[in-house]
Amino acid sequence: MVDGTADFPDAEAGAGSPLARQIFSSPEVERVFFGGDFVTVTKRESEGADWRHLKPVILGAIMEHFTKELPLFDAEQAVEEETVYEGDEAEIVSQIKELIETRVRPAVANDGGDIIFKSFDSGSGTVFLHLQGSCAGCPSSTITLKNGIENMLRHYVPEVSGVEAI
């Protein structure tokens, strides 16, 4: 993807992407996530789901998609409007976003996911983040969010008192 990420928690969510539709054509696939330069596929936890059989199907779908130079999406995706912050809040949000971009996102991307800043509530000091890809279903994501990201943001940005996933 040129910009951003795309998270498809199920086949219905991936209906607008030819590549996601092709990957979801395998019943063993549970989730698909597109990053800037990678694709994360989560398999269902069932007896029949085996990476040895699933991997060639997924790699074949990806290779065929890109060798045919197909678009990633059927139509242009709607862009969610971002909240505009002013004054001191704008500076705080800028610091939060910079820390997420430079310190958190690269580490999360290494694990096949992404983390998106959604909002900051200056009244409570809470930062709201959206976990995508393999991070969305990872059992340790709550620990990472609280012990890693929250502690780091609180250290560098004193106005932050907590982090919540949405």
N, C-alpha and C. Protein backbone atom coordinates (compact mmCIF):
# COMPACT_ATOMS: atom_id res chain seq x y z
N MET A 1 0.84 -1.17 0.00
CA MET A 1 0.00 0.00 0.00
C MET A 1 0.89 1.24 0.00
N VAL A 2 0.49 2.22 -0.76
CA VAL A 2 1.25 3.46 -0.84
C VAL A 2 1.16 4.22 0.46
N ASP A 3 -0.05 4.23 1.05
CA ASP A 3 -0.26 5.00 2.26
C ASP A 3 -1.20 4.24 3.18
N GLY A 4 -0.89 4.18 4.45
CA GLY A 4 -1.78 3.57 5.43
C GLY A 4 -1.74 2.05 5.41
N THR A 5 -2.79 1.47 5.99
CA THR A 5 -2.93 0.03 6.07
C THR A 5 -4.39 -0.33 5.84
N ALA A 6 -4.65 -1.60 5.65
CA ALA A 6 -6.04 -2.07 5.50
C ALA A 6 -6.17 -3.37 6.28
N ASP A 7 -7.17 -3.44 7.13
CA ASP A 7 -7.39 -4.60 7.99
C ASP A 7 -8.74 -5.20 7.64
N PHE A 8 -8.75 -6.50 7.33
CA PHE A 8 -9.98 -7.19 6.99
C PHE A 8 -10.18 -8.34 7.98
N PRO A 9 -11.00 -8.12 9.01
CA PRO A 9 -11.19 -9.15 10.03
C PRO A 9 -11.98 -10.37 9.55
N ASP A 10 -12.64 -10.24 8.38
CA ASP A 10 -13.36 -11.37 7.82
C ASP A 10 -13.55 -11.16 6.31
N ALA A 11 -14.07 -12.17 5.64
CA ALA A 11 -14.23 -12.12 4.18
C ALA A 11 -15.17 -10.99 3.76
N GLU A 12 -16.18 -10.72 4.53
CA GLU A 12 -17.12 -9.64 4.20
C GLU A 12 -16.40 -8.29 4.17
N ALA A 13 -15.53 -8.05 5.14
CA ALA A 13 -14.78 -6.80 5.19
C ALA A 13 -13.82 -6.69 4.02
N GLY A 14 -13.33 -7.81 3.51
CA GLY A 14 -12.39 -7.82 2.40
C GLY A 14 -13.03 -7.84 1.03
N ALA A 15 -14.35 -7.72 0.95
CA ALA A 15 -15.06 -7.83 -0.32
C ALA A 15 -14.65 -6.75 -1.32
N GLY A 16 -14.16 -5.60 -0.87
CA GLY A 16 -13.78 -4.52 -1.77
C GLY A 16 -12.37 -4.61 -2.30
N SER A 17 -11.66 -5.70 -1.99
CA SER A 17 -10.28 -5.88 -2.45
C SER A 17 -10.15 -7.20 -3.21
N PRO A 18 -9.76 -7.14 -4.47
CA PRO A 18 -9.57 -8.39 -5.23
C PRO A 18 -8.56 -9.34 -4.56
N LEU A 19 -7.49 -8.78 -4.02
CA LEU A 19 -6.49 -9.63 -3.37
C LEU A 19 -7.04 -10.26 -2.10
N ALA A 20 -7.71 -9.48 -1.28
CA ALA A 20 -8.29 -10.03 -0.05
C ALA A 20 -9.33 -11.10 -0.38
N ARG A 21 -10.16 -10.85 -1.40
CA ARG A 21 -11.16 -11.86 -1.79
C ARG A 21 -10.49 -13.17 -2.18
N GLN A 22 -9.41 -13.07 -2.94
CA GLN A 22 -8.70 -14.28 -3.37
C GLN A 22 -8.11 -15.03 -2.19
N ILE A 23 -7.52 -14.29 -1.25
CA ILE A 23 -6.93 -14.94 -0.08
C ILE A 23 -8.02 -15.55 0.79
N PHE A 24 -9.14 -14.87 0.94
CA PHE A 24 -10.25 -15.38 1.75
C PHE A 24 -10.96 -16.56 1.07
N SER A 25 -10.66 -16.81 -0.20
CA SER A 25 -11.32 -17.95 -0.87
C SER A 25 -10.93 -19.27 -0.23
N SER A 26 -9.85 -19.27 0.52
CA SER A 26 -9.47 -20.45 1.28
C SER A 26 -10.22 -20.41 2.61
N PRO A 27 -11.00 -21.44 2.93
CA PRO A 27 -11.80 -21.42 4.16
C PRO A 27 -10.97 -21.41 5.44
N GLU A 28 -9.68 -21.71 5.34
CA GLU A 28 -8.82 -21.72 6.53
C GLU A 28 -8.38 -20.31 6.94
N VAL A 29 -8.60 -19.31 6.06
CA VAL A 29 -8.15 -17.94 6.35
C VAL A 29 -9.18 -17.24 7.23
N GLU A 30 -8.70 -16.64 8.32
CA GLU A 30 -9.57 -15.94 9.24
C GLU A 30 -9.50 -14.42 9.08
N ARG A 31 -8.28 -13.88 8.83
CA ARG A 31 -8.08 -12.43 8.78
C ARG A 31 -6.98 -12.10 7.78
N VAL A 32 -7.11 -10.93 7.11
CA VAL A 32 -6.09 -10.47 6.16
C VAL A 32 -5.79 -9.01 6.50
N PHE A 33 -4.51 -8.66 6.44
CA PHE A 33 -4.07 -7.31 6.75
C PHE A 33 -3.03 -6.88 5.73
N PHE A 34 -3.20 -5.68 5.14
CA PHE A 34 -2.22 -5.14 4.20
C PHE A 34 -1.45 -4.03 4.89
N GLY A 35 -0.14 -4.13 4.88
CA GLY A 35 0.73 -3.07 5.39
C GLY A 35 1.39 -2.37 4.22
N GLY A 36 2.32 -1.50 4.52
CA GLY A 36 3.02 -0.75 3.48
C GLY A 36 3.78 -1.64 2.51
N ASP A 37 4.39 -2.71 3.03
CA ASP A 37 5.16 -3.59 2.16
C ASP A 37 5.04 -5.06 2.60
N PHE A 38 3.91 -5.40 3.20
CA PHE A 38 3.70 -6.79 3.61
C PHE A 38 2.21 -7.11 3.68
N VAL A 39 1.93 -8.41 3.68
CA VAL A 39 0.56 -8.92 3.85
C VAL A 39 0.62 -9.89 5.02
N THR A 40 -0.29 -9.74 5.97
CA THR A 40 -0.39 -10.66 7.09
C THR A 40 -1.68 -11.46 6.93
N VAL A 41 -1.56 -12.78 7.06
CA VAL A 41 -2.72 -13.65 6.97
C VAL A 41 -2.80 -14.44 8.28
N THR A 42 -3.97 -14.44 8.88
CA THR A 42 -4.20 -15.20 10.11
C THR A 42 -5.07 -16.39 9.76
N LYS A 43 -4.61 -17.59 10.14
CA LYS A 43 -5.40 -18.79 9.83
C LYS A 43 -6.34 -19.12 10.98
N ARG A 44 -7.39 -19.82 10.65
CA ARG A 44 -8.33 -20.26 11.68
C ARG A 44 -7.67 -21.32 12.55
N GLU A 45 -8.03 -21.30 13.81
CA GLU A 45 -7.53 -22.32 14.73
C GLU A 45 -8.47 -23.52 14.68
N SER A 46 -8.27 -24.33 13.68
CA SER A 46 -9.09 -25.54 13.55
C SER A 46 -8.20 -26.70 13.18
N GLU A 47 -8.73 -27.90 13.29
CA GLU A 47 -7.94 -29.10 13.01
C GLU A 47 -7.43 -29.15 11.58
N GLY A 48 -8.23 -28.67 10.63
CA GLY A 48 -7.86 -28.76 9.22
C GLY A 48 -6.94 -27.66 8.73
N ALA A 49 -6.76 -26.62 9.52
CA ALA A 49 -5.94 -25.48 9.07
C ALA A 49 -4.47 -25.77 9.35
N ASP A 50 -3.70 -25.95 8.28
CA ASP A 50 -2.28 -26.27 8.41
C ASP A 50 -1.49 -25.36 7.48
N TRP A 51 -0.49 -24.66 8.03
CA TRP A 51 0.29 -23.72 7.23
C TRP A 51 0.97 -24.39 6.05
N ARG A 52 1.34 -25.67 6.18
CA ARG A 52 2.01 -26.36 5.07
C ARG A 52 1.14 -26.41 3.83
N HIS A 53 -0.18 -26.47 4.01
CA HIS A 53 -1.10 -26.51 2.87
C HIS A 53 -1.59 -25.11 2.50
N LEU A 54 -1.69 -24.26 3.48
CA LEU A 54 -2.23 -22.92 3.26
C LEU A 54 -1.22 -21.97 2.62
N LYS A 55 0.03 -22.07 3.00
CA LYS A 55 1.06 -21.14 2.53
C LYS A 55 1.18 -21.10 1.00
N PRO A 56 1.25 -22.24 0.29
CA PRO A 56 1.37 -22.17 -1.18
C PRO A 56 0.15 -21.51 -1.85
N VAL A 57 -1.03 -21.72 -1.30
CA VAL A 57 -2.25 -21.13 -1.85
C VAL A 57 -2.20 -19.61 -1.70
N ILE A 58 -1.81 -19.15 -0.52
CA ILE A 58 -1.75 -17.71 -0.25
C ILE A 58 -0.65 -17.05 -1.09
N LEU A 59 0.53 -17.64 -1.11
CA LEU A 59 1.62 -17.07 -1.91
C LEU A 59 1.26 -17.04 -3.39
N GLY A 60 0.59 -18.08 -3.86
CA GLY A 60 0.14 -18.12 -5.26
C GLY A 60 -0.83 -16.99 -5.57
N ALA A 61 -1.77 -16.75 -4.66
CA ALA A 61 -2.75 -15.66 -4.85
C ALA A 61 -2.05 -14.31 -4.89
N ILE A 62 -1.10 -14.10 -3.99
CA ILE A 62 -0.37 -12.82 -3.95
C ILE A 62 0.45 -12.62 -5.22
N MET A 63 1.19 -13.65 -5.61
CA MET A 63 2.04 -13.54 -6.81
C MET A 63 1.18 -13.30 -8.06
N GLU A 64 0.10 -14.03 -8.20
CA GLU A 64 -0.77 -13.85 -9.36
C GLU A 64 -1.35 -12.44 -9.39
N HIS A 65 -1.77 -11.95 -8.25
CA HIS A 65 -2.35 -10.61 -8.17
C HIS A 65 -1.36 -9.55 -8.66
N PHE A 66 -0.14 -9.60 -8.18
CA PHE A 66 0.83 -8.57 -8.52
C PHE A 66 1.44 -8.75 -9.91
N THR A 67 1.58 -9.99 -10.38
CA THR A 67 2.10 -10.17 -11.74
C THR A 67 1.08 -9.72 -12.78
N LYS A 68 -0.19 -9.80 -12.46
CA LYS A 68 -1.24 -9.30 -13.36
C LYS A 68 -1.47 -7.80 -13.19
N GLU A 69 -0.75 -7.19 -12.22
CA GLU A 69 -0.86 -5.76 -11.93
C GLU A 69 -2.30 -5.33 -11.66
N LEU A 70 -3.01 -6.15 -10.87
CA LEU A 70 -4.38 -5.83 -10.51
C LEU A 70 -4.39 -4.77 -9.41
N PRO A 71 -5.47 -4.00 -9.32
CA PRO A 71 -5.55 -2.99 -8.25
C PRO A 71 -5.76 -3.68 -6.90
N LEU A 72 -5.34 -3.02 -5.86
CA LEU A 72 -5.51 -3.57 -4.52
C LEU A 72 -6.96 -3.46 -4.06
N PHE A 73 -7.66 -2.41 -4.54
CA PHE A 73 -9.05 -2.19 -4.18
C PHE A 73 -9.89 -1.98 -5.43
N ASP A 74 -11.17 -2.38 -5.36
CA ASP A 74 -12.08 -2.19 -6.48
C ASP A 74 -12.36 -0.72 -6.74
N ALA A 75 -12.52 0.04 -5.69
CA ALA A 75 -12.80 1.48 -5.80
C ALA A 75 -11.98 2.19 -4.75
N GLU A 76 -11.86 3.49 -4.89
CA GLU A 76 -11.12 4.27 -3.92
C GLU A 76 -11.77 4.14 -2.54
N GLN A 77 -10.95 3.87 -1.54
CA GLN A 77 -11.45 3.69 -0.18
C GLN A 77 -11.76 5.04 0.45
N ALA A 78 -12.82 5.07 1.22
CA ALA A 78 -13.19 6.30 1.93
C ALA A 78 -12.15 6.60 3.00
N VAL A 79 -11.77 7.83 3.12
CA VAL A 79 -10.80 8.25 4.12
C VAL A 79 -11.54 8.83 5.32
N GLU A 80 -11.21 8.31 6.48
CA GLU A 80 -11.84 8.78 7.72
C GLU A 80 -11.29 10.15 8.08
N GLU A 81 -12.19 11.07 8.41
CA GLU A 81 -11.74 12.41 8.79
C GLU A 81 -11.06 12.38 10.14
N GLU A 82 -9.96 13.11 10.24
CA GLU A 82 -9.18 13.15 11.45
C GLU A 82 -9.62 14.35 12.30
N THR A 83 -9.65 14.16 13.62
CA THR A 83 -9.99 15.23 14.53
C THR A 83 -8.92 16.31 14.48
N VAL A 84 -9.34 17.56 14.49
CA VAL A 84 -8.41 18.68 14.48
C VAL A 84 -8.23 19.17 15.92
N TYR A 85 -6.98 19.22 16.35
CA TYR A 85 -6.66 19.69 17.69
C TYR A 85 -6.03 21.07 17.58
N GLU A 86 -6.26 21.91 18.60
CA GLU A 86 -5.73 23.27 18.58
C GLU A 86 -4.96 23.57 19.86
N GLY A 87 -4.06 24.54 19.78
CA GLY A 87 -3.32 25.01 20.95
C GLY A 87 -2.43 23.95 21.56
N ASP A 88 -2.46 23.87 22.90
CA ASP A 88 -1.64 22.91 23.62
C ASP A 88 -1.97 21.47 23.23
N GLU A 89 -3.26 21.20 23.01
CA GLU A 89 -3.68 19.87 22.60
C GLU A 89 -3.01 19.44 21.31
N ALA A 90 -2.89 20.37 20.36
CA ALA A 90 -2.27 20.06 19.08
C ALA A 90 -0.81 19.65 19.27
N GLU A 91 -0.10 20.32 20.16
CA GLU A 91 1.30 19.99 20.44
C GLU A 91 1.41 18.61 21.10
N ILE A 92 0.53 18.32 22.03
CA ILE A 92 0.53 17.02 22.71
C ILE A 92 0.26 15.90 21.71
N VAL A 93 -0.76 16.08 20.88
CA VAL A 93 -1.11 15.07 19.88
C VAL A 93 0.03 14.88 18.89
N SER A 94 0.69 15.95 18.52
CA SER A 94 1.84 15.86 17.61
C SER A 94 2.95 15.01 18.22
N GLN A 95 3.23 15.20 19.50
CA GLN A 95 4.24 14.40 20.19
C GLN A 95 3.83 12.93 20.24
N ILE A 96 2.57 12.67 20.55
CA ILE A 96 2.06 11.30 20.63
C ILE A 96 2.20 10.62 19.27
N LYS A 97 1.75 11.30 18.22
CA LYS A 97 1.82 10.71 16.88
C LYS A 97 3.26 10.44 16.45
N GLU A 98 4.17 11.35 16.78
CA GLU A 98 5.57 11.16 16.41
C GLU A 98 6.15 9.93 17.12
N LEU A 99 5.86 9.77 18.40
CA LEU A 99 6.34 8.60 19.13
C LEU A 99 5.76 7.31 18.56
N ILE A 100 4.50 7.32 18.22
CA ILE A 100 3.88 6.13 17.65
C ILE A 100 4.52 5.81 16.30
N GLU A 101 4.71 6.83 15.45
CA GLU A 101 5.31 6.64 14.13
C GLU A 101 6.73 6.12 14.20
N THR A 102 7.54 6.70 15.08
CA THR A 102 8.97 6.38 15.08
C THR A 102 9.37 5.22 15.98
N ARG A 103 8.61 4.98 17.04
CA ARG A 103 9.02 3.95 17.99
C ARG A 103 8.09 2.74 18.05
N VAL A 104 6.80 2.98 17.89
CA VAL A 104 5.85 1.88 18.08
C VAL A 104 5.54 1.15 16.77
N ARG A 105 5.15 1.90 15.74
CA ARG A 105 4.74 1.27 14.48
C ARG A 105 5.79 0.34 13.89
N PRO A 106 7.08 0.72 13.86
CA PRO A 106 8.06 -0.22 13.29
C PRO A 106 8.11 -1.55 14.04
N ALA A 107 8.02 -1.50 15.35
CA ALA A 107 8.06 -2.74 16.14
C ALA A 107 6.80 -3.58 15.91
N VAL A 108 5.66 -2.92 15.87
CA VAL A 108 4.40 -3.62 15.65
C VAL A 108 4.36 -4.22 14.23
N ALA A 109 4.90 -3.49 13.25
CA ALA A 109 4.94 -4.00 11.87
C ALA A 109 5.79 -5.26 11.77
N ASN A 110 6.84 -5.36 12.57
CA ASN A 110 7.67 -6.57 12.57
C ASN A 110 6.88 -7.80 12.99
N ASP A 111 5.81 -7.58 13.74
CA ASP A 111 4.96 -8.69 14.17
C ASP A 111 3.73 -8.85 13.28
N GLY A 112 3.70 -8.15 12.14
CA GLY A 112 2.60 -8.31 11.19
C GLY A 112 1.37 -7.50 11.50
N GLY A 113 1.53 -6.40 12.19
CA GLY A 113 0.37 -5.58 12.53
C GLY A 113 0.63 -4.11 12.35
N ASP A 114 -0.28 -3.32 12.86
CA ASP A 114 -0.15 -1.88 12.81
C ASP A 114 -0.93 -1.29 13.97
N ILE A 115 -0.60 -0.07 14.31
CA ILE A 115 -1.27 0.65 15.38
C ILE A 115 -1.56 2.05 14.87
N ILE A 116 -2.79 2.47 15.01
CA ILE A 116 -3.24 3.75 14.47
C ILE A 116 -3.73 4.64 15.61
N PHE A 117 -3.23 5.88 15.63
CA PHE A 117 -3.72 6.87 16.58
C PHE A 117 -5.14 7.24 16.17
N LYS A 118 -6.07 7.21 17.12
CA LYS A 118 -7.45 7.59 16.84
C LYS A 118 -7.82 8.92 17.47
N SER A 119 -7.49 9.08 18.77
CA SER A 119 -7.84 10.34 19.41
C SER A 119 -7.12 10.47 20.75
N PHE A 120 -7.21 11.70 21.28
CA PHE A 120 -6.65 11.99 22.60
C PHE A 120 -7.69 12.79 23.37
N ASP A 121 -8.02 12.33 24.57
CA ASP A 121 -8.96 13.03 25.45
C ASP A 121 -8.13 13.77 26.48
N SER A 122 -8.02 15.09 26.31
CA SER A 122 -7.17 15.89 27.21
C SER A 122 -7.74 15.94 28.63
N GLY A 123 -9.04 15.77 28.78
CA GLY A 123 -9.65 15.78 30.11
C GLY A 123 -9.18 14.64 30.97
N SER A 124 -9.13 13.44 30.40
CA SER A 124 -8.71 12.27 31.15
C SER A 124 -7.25 11.90 30.89
N GLY A 125 -6.66 12.48 29.83
CA GLY A 125 -5.29 12.14 29.47
C GLY A 125 -5.17 10.80 28.76
N THR A 126 -6.28 10.31 28.21
CA THR A 126 -6.31 9.00 27.58
C THR A 126 -6.06 9.09 26.07
N VAL A 127 -5.18 8.23 25.58
CA VAL A 127 -4.90 8.09 24.16
C VAL A 127 -5.65 6.86 23.67
N PHE A 128 -6.38 7.02 22.59
CA PHE A 128 -7.13 5.91 22.01
C PHE A 128 -6.44 5.45 20.74
N LEU A 129 -6.12 4.16 20.69
CA LEU A 129 -5.39 3.57 19.58
C LEU A 129 -6.18 2.40 18.99
N HIS A 130 -5.96 2.17 17.71
CA HIS A 130 -6.61 1.05 17.04
C HIS A 130 -5.54 0.06 16.60
N LEU A 131 -5.64 -1.19 17.08
CA LEU A 131 -4.70 -2.24 16.71
C LEU A 131 -5.23 -2.97 15.49
N GLN A 132 -4.34 -3.24 14.53
CA GLN A 132 -4.74 -3.90 13.29
C GLN A 132 -3.84 -5.09 13.01
N GLY A 133 -4.29 -5.92 12.07
CA GLY A 133 -3.50 -7.07 11.65
C GLY A 133 -3.39 -8.10 12.75
N SER A 134 -2.24 -8.76 12.81
CA SER A 134 -2.08 -9.82 13.80
C SER A 134 -2.14 -9.29 15.22
N CYS A 135 -1.89 -7.99 15.40
CA CYS A 135 -1.95 -7.39 16.74
C CYS A 135 -3.38 -7.35 17.28
N ALA A 136 -4.36 -7.27 16.38
CA ALA A 136 -5.75 -7.16 16.81
C ALA A 136 -6.22 -8.41 17.54
N GLY A 137 -5.71 -9.55 17.17
CA GLY A 137 -6.14 -10.78 17.81
C GLY A 137 -5.11 -11.40 18.72
N CYS A 138 -4.01 -10.72 18.91
CA CYS A 138 -2.91 -11.27 19.71
C CYS A 138 -3.22 -11.19 21.20
N PRO A 139 -3.09 -12.30 21.92
CA PRO A 139 -3.38 -12.28 23.35
C PRO A 139 -2.45 -11.35 24.13
N SER A 140 -1.23 -11.14 23.65
CA SER A 140 -0.30 -10.29 24.40
C SER A 140 -0.43 -8.81 24.01
N SER A 141 -1.37 -8.47 23.13
CA SER A 141 -1.49 -7.07 22.71
C SER A 141 -1.90 -6.16 23.86
N THR A 142 -2.70 -6.64 24.79
CA THR A 142 -3.11 -5.83 25.94
C THR A 142 -1.90 -5.52 26.82
N ILE A 143 -1.04 -6.50 27.01
CA ILE A 143 0.17 -6.30 27.81
C ILE A 143 1.10 -5.31 27.10
N THR A 144 1.26 -5.47 25.79
CA THR A 144 2.09 -4.55 25.01
C THR A 144 1.53 -3.14 25.09
N LEU A 145 0.22 -3.04 24.97
CA LEU A 145 -0.43 -1.72 25.00
C LEU A 145 -0.22 -1.05 26.34
N LYS A 146 -0.47 -1.76 27.42
CA LYS A 146 -0.38 -1.17 28.76
C LYS A 146 1.06 -1.02 29.25
N ASN A 147 1.84 -2.10 29.18
CA ASN A 147 3.19 -2.07 29.74
C ASN A 147 4.20 -1.39 28.83
N GLY A 148 4.02 -1.49 27.53
CA GLY A 148 4.99 -0.91 26.62
C GLY A 148 4.60 0.47 26.15
N ILE A 149 3.53 0.56 25.40
CA ILE A 149 3.14 1.81 24.76
C ILE A 149 2.70 2.85 25.79
N GLU A 150 1.85 2.45 26.72
CA GLU A 150 1.38 3.40 27.74
C GLU A 150 2.53 3.96 28.57
N ASN A 151 3.41 3.09 29.01
CA ASN A 151 4.55 3.55 29.82
C ASN A 151 5.44 4.50 29.04
N MET A 152 5.69 4.19 27.76
CA MET A 152 6.54 5.05 26.96
C MET A 152 5.89 6.42 26.75
N LEU A 153 4.60 6.43 26.38
CA LEU A 153 3.92 7.70 26.17
C LEU A 153 3.86 8.53 27.45
N ARG A 154 3.59 7.89 28.57
CA ARG A 154 3.53 8.61 29.84
C ARG A 154 4.90 9.19 30.19
N HIS A 155 5.97 8.50 29.84
CA HIS A 155 7.32 8.97 30.12
C HIS A 155 7.65 10.23 29.31
N TYR A 156 7.35 10.20 28.02
CA TYR A 156 7.72 11.30 27.13
C TYR A 156 6.68 12.42 27.07
N VAL A 157 5.42 12.08 27.34
CA VAL A 157 4.34 13.07 27.27
C VAL A 157 3.59 13.02 28.60
N PRO A 158 3.96 13.87 29.55
CA PRO A 158 3.38 13.81 30.90
C PRO A 158 1.86 13.98 30.93
N GLU A 159 1.29 14.60 29.91
CA GLU A 159 -0.16 14.80 29.88
C GLU A 159 -0.92 13.49 29.63
N VAL A 160 -0.23 12.45 29.19
CA VAL A 160 -0.86 11.15 28.94
C VAL A 160 -0.94 10.38 30.26
N SER A 161 -2.15 9.93 30.58
CA SER A 161 -2.33 9.14 31.81
C SER A 161 -2.67 7.68 31.51
N GLY A 162 -3.11 7.40 30.29
CA GLY A 162 -3.47 6.03 29.95
C GLY A 162 -3.64 5.84 28.46
N VAL A 163 -3.69 4.57 28.05
CA VAL A 163 -3.88 4.20 26.65
C VAL A 163 -4.97 3.15 26.59
N GLU A 164 -5.90 3.31 25.67
CA GLU A 164 -6.99 2.37 25.49
C GLU A 164 -7.05 1.92 24.03
N ALA A 165 -7.36 0.65 23.82
CA ALA A 165 -7.56 0.13 22.46
C ALA A 165 -9.02 0.28 22.08
N ILE A 166 -9.25 0.68 20.84
CA ILE A 166 -10.63 0.74 20.32
C ILE A 166 -10.73 -0.08 19.06
